[in-house]
Every structure is written in C-alpha cells, then in structure tokens.
C-alpha atoms as a PDB file:
ATOM      1  CA  UNK A   1       0.000   0.000   0.000  1.00  0.00           C
ATOM      2  CA  UNK A   2       3.051   2.216  -0.261  1.00  0.00           C
ATOM      3  CA  UNK A   3       1.601   3.952  -3.332  1.00  0.00           C
ATOM      4  CA  UNK A   4      -1.407   5.169  -1.325  1.00  0.00           C
ATOM      5  CA  UNK A   5      -1.350   8.370   0.719  1.00  0.00           C
ATOM      6  CA  UNK A   6      -0.294   7.536   4.312  1.00  0.00           C
ATOM      7  CA  UNK A   7      -3.649   8.461   5.895  1.00  0.00           C
ATOM      8  CA  UNK A   8      -5.647   6.341   3.462  1.00  0.00           C
ATOM      9  CA  UNK A   9      -3.222   3.422   3.802  1.00  0.00           C
ATOM     10  CA  UNK A  10      -3.654   3.521   7.598  1.00  0.00           C
ATOM     11  CA  UNK A  11      -7.446   3.591   7.266  1.00  0.00           C
ATOM     12  CA  UNK A  12      -7.408   0.611   4.867  1.00  0.00           C
ATOM     13  CA  UNK A  13      -5.095  -1.239   7.247  1.00  0.00           C
ATOM     14  CA  UNK A  14      -7.590  -0.743  10.115  1.00  0.00           C
ATOM     15  CA  UNK A  15     -10.521  -1.783   7.910  1.00  0.00           C
ATOM     16  CA  UNK A  16      -8.771  -5.052   7.012  1.00  0.00           C
ATOM     17  CA  UNK A  17      -7.700  -5.647  10.629  1.00  0.00           C
ATOM     18  CA  UNK A  18     -11.235  -5.385  12.001  1.00  0.00           C
ATOM     19  CA  UNK A  19     -12.388  -8.048   9.537  1.00  0.00           C
ATOM     20  CA  UNK A  20     -10.933 -10.403  12.159  1.00  0.00           C
ATOM     21  CA  UNK A  21     -14.003  -9.677  14.321  1.00  0.00           C
ATOM     22  CA  UNK A  22     -15.849 -12.121  12.065  1.00  0.00           C
ATOM     23  CA  UNK A  23     -13.655 -14.882  13.520  1.00  0.00           C
ATOM     24  CA  UNK A  24     -14.148 -14.009  17.203  1.00  0.00           C
ATOM     25  CA  UNK A  25     -16.951 -16.266  18.397  1.00  0.00           C
ATOM     26  CA  UNK A  26     -19.036 -15.411  21.419  1.00  0.00           C
ATOM     27  CA  UNK A  27     -20.784 -17.848  23.757  1.00  0.00           C
ATOM     28  CA  UNK A  28     -24.230 -16.797  22.501  1.00  0.00           C
ATOM     29  CA  UNK A  29     -26.051 -18.736  19.857  1.00  0.00           C
ATOM     30  CA  UNK A  30     -27.707 -16.915  16.955  1.00  0.00           C
ATOM     31  CA  UNK A  31     -31.506 -16.754  17.286  1.00  0.00           C
ATOM     32  CA  UNK A  32     -32.180 -19.941  15.318  1.00  0.00           C
ATOM     33  CA  UNK A  33     -29.776 -21.832  17.606  1.00  0.00           C
ATOM     34  CA  UNK A  34     -27.735 -23.191  14.693  1.00  0.00           C
ATOM     35  CA  UNK A  35     -24.310 -21.799  15.690  1.00  0.00           C
ATOM     36  CA  UNK A  36     -22.461 -19.328  17.867  1.00  0.00           C
ATOM     37  CA  UNK A  37     -22.594 -15.633  17.086  1.00  0.00           C
ATOM     38  CA  UNK A  38     -19.436 -13.754  16.115  1.00  0.00           C
ATOM     39  CA  UNK A  39     -18.386 -10.312  17.349  1.00  0.00           C
ATOM     40  CA  UNK A  40     -19.100  -8.594  14.031  1.00  0.00           C
ATOM     41  CA  UNK A  41     -22.672  -9.899  14.026  1.00  0.00           C
ATOM     42  CA  UNK A  42     -23.119  -8.846  17.646  1.00  0.00           C
ATOM     43  CA  UNK A  43     -21.877  -5.306  16.916  1.00  0.00           C
ATOM     44  CA  UNK A  44     -24.138  -4.963  13.867  1.00  0.00           C
ATOM     45  CA  UNK A  45     -27.120  -6.171  15.892  1.00  0.00           C
ATOM     46  CA  UNK A  46     -26.440  -3.582  18.610  1.00  0.00           C
ATOM     47  CA  UNK A  47     -26.213  -0.790  16.013  1.00  0.00           C
ATOM     48  CA  UNK A  48     -29.648  -1.700  14.640  1.00  0.00           C
ATOM     49  CA  UNK A  49     -31.055  -1.942  18.173  1.00  0.00           C
ATOM     50  CA  UNK A  50     -29.636   1.513  18.964  1.00  0.00           C
ATOM     51  CA  UNK A  51     -31.721   3.338  16.396  1.00  0.00           C
ATOM     52  CA  UNK A  52     -34.803   1.192  16.961  1.00  0.00           C
ATOM     53  CA  UNK A  53     -34.826   1.502  20.758  1.00  0.00           C
ATOM     54  CA  UNK A  54     -33.452   5.011  21.369  1.00  0.00           C
ATOM     55  CA  UNK A  55     -37.003   6.254  21.947  1.00  0.00           C
ATOM     56  CA  UNK A  56     -37.068   4.258  25.213  1.00  0.00           C
ATOM     57  CA  UNK A  57     -34.225   6.224  26.745  1.00  0.00           C
ATOM     58  CA  UNK A  58     -35.501   8.655  29.386  1.00  0.00           C
ATOM     59  CA  UNK A  59     -32.701  11.096  28.482  1.00  0.00           C
ATOM     60  CA  UNK A  60     -31.676  12.241  25.002  1.00  0.00           C
ATOM     61  CA  UNK A  61     -28.685  10.538  23.393  1.00  0.00           C
ATOM     62  CA  UNK A  62     -26.431  11.339  20.443  1.00  0.00           C
ATOM     63  CA  UNK A  63     -27.467   8.354  18.322  1.00  0.00           C
ATOM     64  CA  UNK A  64     -24.521   8.544  15.900  1.00  0.00           C
ATOM     65  CA  UNK A  65     -22.154   8.409  18.871  1.00  0.00           C
ATOM     66  CA  UNK A  66     -23.980   5.378  20.290  1.00  0.00           C
ATOM     67  CA  UNK A  67     -23.829   3.593  16.927  1.00  0.00           C
ATOM     68  CA  UNK A  68     -20.086   4.273  16.607  1.00  0.00           C
ATOM     69  CA  UNK A  69     -19.623   3.006  20.164  1.00  0.00           C
ATOM     70  CA  UNK A  70     -21.475  -0.270  19.671  1.00  0.00           C
ATOM     71  CA  UNK A  71     -19.903  -0.948  16.287  1.00  0.00           C
ATOM     72  CA  UNK A  72     -16.399  -0.586  17.733  1.00  0.00           C
ATOM     73  CA  UNK A  73     -16.654  -1.579  21.416  1.00  0.00           C
ATOM     74  CA  UNK A  74     -15.521  -5.180  20.843  1.00  0.00           C
ATOM     75  CA  UNK A  75     -12.668  -4.453  18.400  1.00  0.00           C
ATOM     76  CA  UNK A  76     -10.258  -5.076  21.294  1.00  0.00           C
ATOM     77  CA  UNK A  77     -11.400  -8.710  21.353  1.00  0.00           C
ATOM     78  CA  UNK A  78      -9.367  -9.309  18.176  1.00  0.00           C
ATOM     79  CA  UNK A  79      -6.348  -9.500  20.497  1.00  0.00           C
ATOM     80  CA  UNK A  80      -7.919  -9.921  23.947  1.00  0.00           C
ATOM     81  CA  UNK A  81     -10.535 -12.539  23.046  1.00  0.00           C
ATOM     82  CA  UNK A  82     -14.149 -12.756  24.172  1.00  0.00           C
ATOM     83  CA  UNK A  83     -14.774 -13.413  27.860  1.00  0.00           C
ATOM     84  CA  UNK A  84     -17.963 -15.189  28.913  1.00  0.00           C
ATOM     85  CA  UNK A  85     -19.766 -12.716  31.165  1.00  0.00           C
ATOM     86  CA  UNK A  86     -20.789 -15.394  33.689  1.00  0.00           C
ATOM     87  CA  UNK A  87     -17.243 -16.737  34.171  1.00  0.00           C
ATOM     88  CA  UNK A  88     -15.360 -14.599  36.732  1.00  0.00           C
ATOM     89  CA  UNK A  89     -12.164 -16.655  36.376  1.00  0.00           C
ATOM     90  CA  UNK A  90     -11.968 -15.862  32.648  1.00  0.00           C
ATOM     91  CA  UNK A  91     -12.307 -12.140  33.402  1.00  0.00           C
ATOM     92  CA  UNK A  92      -9.061 -12.031  35.406  1.00  0.00           C
ATOM     93  CA  UNK A  93      -6.663  -9.717  33.517  1.00  0.00           C
ATOM     94  CA  UNK A  94      -9.338  -8.787  30.963  1.00  0.00           C
ATOM     95  CA  UNK A  95      -8.984  -5.032  31.434  1.00  0.00           C
ATOM     96  CA  UNK A  96      -5.203  -5.135  30.996  1.00  0.00           C
ATOM     97  CA  UNK A  97      -5.453  -7.317  27.872  1.00  0.00           C
ATOM     98  CA  UNK A  98      -8.039  -4.988  26.378  1.00  0.00           C
ATOM     99  CA  UNK A  99      -5.948  -1.871  27.108  1.00  0.00           C
ATOM    100  CA  UNK A 100      -2.993  -3.363  25.221  1.00  0.00           C
ATOM    101  CA  UNK A 101      -5.296  -4.398  22.373  1.00  0.00           C
ATOM    102  CA  UNK A 102      -6.862  -0.925  22.165  1.00  0.00           C
ATOM    103  CA  UNK A 103      -3.417   0.659  21.955  1.00  0.00           C
ATOM    104  CA  UNK A 104      -2.392  -1.584  19.059  1.00  0.00           C
ATOM    105  CA  UNK A 105      -5.618  -1.724  17.069  1.00  0.00           C
ATOM    106  CA  UNK A 106      -6.777   1.889  17.348  1.00  0.00           C
ATOM    107  CA  UNK A 107      -3.119   2.829  16.821  1.00  0.00           C
ATOM    108  CA  UNK A 108      -3.369   1.534  13.241  1.00  0.00           C
ATOM    109  CA  UNK A 109      -5.504   4.548  12.320  1.00  0.00           C
ATOM    110  CA  UNK A 110      -4.362   8.093  11.587  1.00  0.00           C
ATOM    111  CA  UNK A 111      -3.828   9.896  14.915  1.00  0.00           C
ATOM    112  CA  UNK A 112      -7.060  11.905  14.966  1.00  0.00           C
ATOM    113  CA  UNK A 113      -9.279   8.920  14.133  1.00  0.00           C
ATOM    114  CA  UNK A 114      -7.375   6.572  16.408  1.00  0.00           C
ATOM    115  CA  UNK A 115      -7.838   8.993  19.313  1.00  0.00           C
ATOM    116  CA  UNK A 116     -11.551   9.446  18.559  1.00  0.00           C
ATOM    117  CA  UNK A 117     -12.250   5.712  18.474  1.00  0.00           C
ATOM    118  CA  UNK A 118     -10.082   4.990  21.510  1.00  0.00           C
ATOM    119  CA  UNK A 119     -11.945   7.700  23.445  1.00  0.00           C
ATOM    120  CA  UNK A 120     -15.299   6.236  22.390  1.00  0.00           C
ATOM    121  CA  UNK A 121     -14.151   2.796  23.599  1.00  0.00           C
ATOM    122  CA  UNK A 122     -12.995   4.283  26.916  1.00  0.00           C
ATOM    123  CA  UNK A 123     -16.289   6.160  27.285  1.00  0.00           C
ATOM    124  CA  UNK A 124     -18.192   2.912  26.678  1.00  0.00           C
ATOM    125  CA  UNK A 125     -16.106   1.142  29.319  1.00  0.00           C
ATOM    126  CA  UNK A 126     -16.634   3.924  31.916  1.00  0.00           C
ATOM    127  CA  UNK A 127     -20.466   3.973  31.485  1.00  0.00           C
ATOM    128  CA  UNK A 128     -20.761   7.583  32.697  1.00  0.00           C
ATOM    129  CA  UNK A 129     -22.463   9.361  29.772  1.00  0.00           C
ATOM    130  CA  UNK A 130     -26.037   8.746  28.541  1.00  0.00           C
ATOM    131  CA  UNK A 131     -24.593   7.361  25.292  1.00  0.00           C
ATOM    132  CA  UNK A 132     -22.310   4.903  27.086  1.00  0.00           C
ATOM    133  CA  UNK A 133     -25.098   3.794  29.428  1.00  0.00           C
ATOM    134  CA  UNK A 134     -27.431   3.189  26.476  1.00  0.00           C
ATOM    135  CA  UNK A 135     -24.717   1.295  24.551  1.00  0.00           C
ATOM    136  CA  UNK A 136     -23.989  -0.854  27.613  1.00  0.00           C
ATOM    137  CA  UNK A 137     -27.714  -1.447  28.137  1.00  0.00           C
ATOM    138  CA  UNK A 138     -27.992  -2.761  24.563  1.00  0.00           C
ATOM    139  CA  UNK A 139     -24.837  -4.849  25.021  1.00  0.00           C
ATOM    140  CA  UNK A 140     -26.596  -6.692  27.864  1.00  0.00           C
ATOM    141  CA  UNK A 141     -30.072  -6.808  26.341  1.00  0.00           C
ATOM    142  CA  UNK A 142     -29.039  -8.361  23.014  1.00  0.00           C
ATOM    143  CA  UNK A 143     -27.454 -11.569  24.397  1.00  0.00           C
ATOM    144  CA  UNK A 144     -30.281 -11.811  26.938  1.00  0.00           C
ATOM    145  CA  UNK A 145     -32.832 -11.869  24.111  1.00  0.00           C
ATOM    146  CA  UNK A 146     -30.789 -14.406  22.134  1.00  0.00           C
ATOM    147  CA  UNK A 147     -30.594 -16.662  25.185  1.00  0.00           C
ATOM    148  CA  UNK A 148     -34.345 -16.467  25.645  1.00  0.00           C
ATOM    149  CA  UNK A 149     -35.132 -17.162  21.993  1.00  0.00           C
ATOM    150  CA  UNK A 150     -32.770 -20.159  21.912  1.00  0.00           C
ATOM    151  CA  UNK A 151     -34.694 -21.698  24.831  1.00  0.00           C
ATOM    152  CA  UNK A 152     -32.030 -20.821  27.350  1.00  0.00           C
ATOM    153  CA  UNK A 153     -29.043 -21.112  24.995  1.00  0.00           C
ATOM    154  CA  UNK A 154     -25.857 -20.520  26.954  1.00  0.00           C
ATOM    155  CA  UNK A 155     -27.732 -20.229  30.251  1.00  0.00           C
ATOM    156  CA  UNK A 156     -28.549 -23.923  29.999  1.00  0.00           C
ATOM    157  CA  UNK A 157     -25.169 -24.945  28.561  1.00  0.00           C
ATOM    158  CA  UNK A 158     -23.347 -23.281  31.479  1.00  0.00           C
ATOM    159  CA  UNK A 159     -26.030 -23.760  34.190  1.00  0.00           C
ATOM    160  CA  UNK A 160     -26.361 -20.020  34.780  1.00  0.00           C
ATOM    161  CA  UNK A 161     -28.907 -19.328  37.565  1.00  0.00           C
ATOM    162  CA  UNK A 162     -31.665 -16.717  37.246  1.00  0.00           C
ATOM    163  CA  UNK A 163     -30.161 -14.617  40.056  1.00  0.00           C
ATOM    164  CA  UNK A 164     -26.925 -14.176  38.145  1.00  0.00           C
ATOM    165  CA  UNK A 165     -28.802 -13.125  35.003  1.00  0.00           C
ATOM    166  CA  UNK A 166     -30.986 -10.717  36.987  1.00  0.00           C
ATOM    167  CA  UNK A 167     -27.911  -9.133  38.572  1.00  0.00           C
ATOM    168  CA  UNK A 168     -26.199  -8.654  35.193  1.00  0.00           C
ATOM    169  CA  UNK A 169     -29.353  -7.204  33.618  1.00  0.00           C
ATOM    170  CA  UNK A 170     -30.153  -4.775  36.454  1.00  0.00           C
ATOM    171  CA  UNK A 171     -28.349  -2.016  34.584  1.00  0.00           C
ATOM    172  CA  UNK A 172     -30.880  -2.263  31.736  1.00  0.00           C
ATOM    173  CA  UNK A 173     -33.773  -1.178  33.977  1.00  0.00           C
ATOM    174  CA  UNK A 174     -31.619   1.486  35.629  1.00  0.00           C
ATOM    175  CA  UNK A 175     -30.825   2.940  32.193  1.00  0.00           C
ATOM    176  CA  UNK A 176     -34.262   2.534  30.630  1.00  0.00           C
ATOM    177  CA  UNK A 177     -37.252   1.575  32.770  1.00  0.00           C
ATOM    178  CA  UNK A 178     -39.178   0.551  29.627  1.00  0.00           C
ATOM    179  CA  UNK A 179     -36.419  -1.844  28.522  1.00  0.00           C
ATOM    180  CA  UNK A 180     -36.142  -3.046  32.118  1.00  0.00           C
ATOM    181  CA  UNK A 181     -39.789  -4.136  31.849  1.00  0.00           C
ATOM    182  CA  UNK A 182     -38.894  -6.095  28.721  1.00  0.00           C
ATOM    183  CA  UNK A 183     -36.155  -7.870  30.676  1.00  0.00           C
ATOM    184  CA  UNK A 184     -38.529  -8.649  33.534  1.00  0.00           C
ATOM    185  CA  UNK A 185     -41.160  -9.991  31.115  1.00  0.00           C
ATOM    186  CA  UNK A 186     -38.694 -12.385  29.490  1.00  0.00           C
ATOM    187  CA  UNK A 187     -37.085 -13.315  32.833  1.00  0.00           C
ATOM    188  CA  UNK A 188     -40.437 -14.453  34.200  1.00  0.00           C
ATOM    189  CA  UNK A 189     -41.177 -16.385  31.002  1.00  0.00           C
ATOM    190  CA  UNK A 190     -37.694 -17.974  31.017  1.00  0.00           C
ATOM    191  CA  UNK A 191     -38.194 -19.207  34.577  1.00  0.00           C
ATOM    192  CA  UNK A 192     -41.731 -20.388  33.840  1.00  0.00           C
ATOM    193  CA  UNK A 193     -40.552 -22.316  30.766  1.00  0.00           C
ATOM    194  CA  UNK A 194     -37.536 -23.794  32.569  1.00  0.00           C
ATOM    195  CA  UNK A 195     -34.888 -21.938  30.543  1.00  0.00           C
ATOM    196  CA  UNK A 196     -33.583 -20.463  33.810  1.00  0.00           C
ATOM    197  CA  UNK A 197     -33.635 -21.898  37.290  1.00  0.00           C
ATOM    198  CA  UNK A 198     -34.139 -19.777  40.427  1.00  0.00           C
END
C-alpha cells in the first residue's frame, strides 16, 4: 500500500484488521440456535437496536455516537478474546489485555481517528455518559434476548442461575425503565418455561 497516501493506507489497514471480528466467536447462539454468534454480528445487531430503541431512553442521546460506540466496542477482542460474562475466572486480567489491544488496534488509524475511536471505547467502558449507558444497556439486552429465543441457549449450557442473570441485567432497567420491563417480562417467562432456574 506504499503507493497510497499515508492516511488512506492507515485507514485501509484498520478496515482489514477489524475483519478479524468475524472470527471471534461469542458464547451466545444466533436466534435460530444453529451456531455461535461472532463479534461482528453482535456489533451490527447492537447498532440496529440503537436506532430502533433510542425512543425508550428517558434522556436524550447522540445516536450517531452510540452507533459508533457499539460498532467498535468489541474491536479489542481481536487480540484480547471474548470473555464469557458469567465466568469470573476468565475475566481475570481482561482489562489489561483490552488496554494493550486498544493501543495496538486503534493505533493503526491516523492519529485523529485513532484517538476518537479509543476515546469512544474508553467512554463505553466507563459507562458515565447517557450514550455509554445506552450502549452498555444494549450490550446486555441483546445476548439476553438471544438466550431467551434459543430456549435458554448458553444459560442452559453453562447452568447459569436466574439470580446471576438478573444481577447482570439490572443495569438495563436502571438505564431505561421501559427496557427493564422487557427484561422482567422475558425473565419471568424464562423461569416459567424452565430456561432459567431460580
């Protein structure tokens, strides 16, 4: 790519690097239960959810910022790998691994873009702005819905109890009471149908 202008070459390099997200498989099954979901599919799903569900946020959000956040929040998993959210042992050292990954991967971009995306990732991780809270809410709601619609999916595979799921999903209701009601509806159904055990 030496014949390309430096900025464009760096952007193309990043674009090709993030293609690796298609090979990072998550614990969740896709909705038809046929296989595990990859990080690229997860990120796309969150972006669609962001513009469909923004109306349920009690505070206004910058939707473009949220979409950028959810599309890029898992890029660090190219190097750091995906950690199953209900496995505390696997999460040991996760933050450090992701910091190193963010430095390398966002560092492929021209300085201004690399800084912007790194800052969006950091904002997502800190969960302090309305945009980051909404993005994090979606990041918890999406796998929850997939687990429900695959009749317990990874909950059943890993014997995840209802209390653990409720604890993880509490942030959804704190961020959006309306989406919290959705969680509660499906939690009750999941328990009733035996997808989750109390």
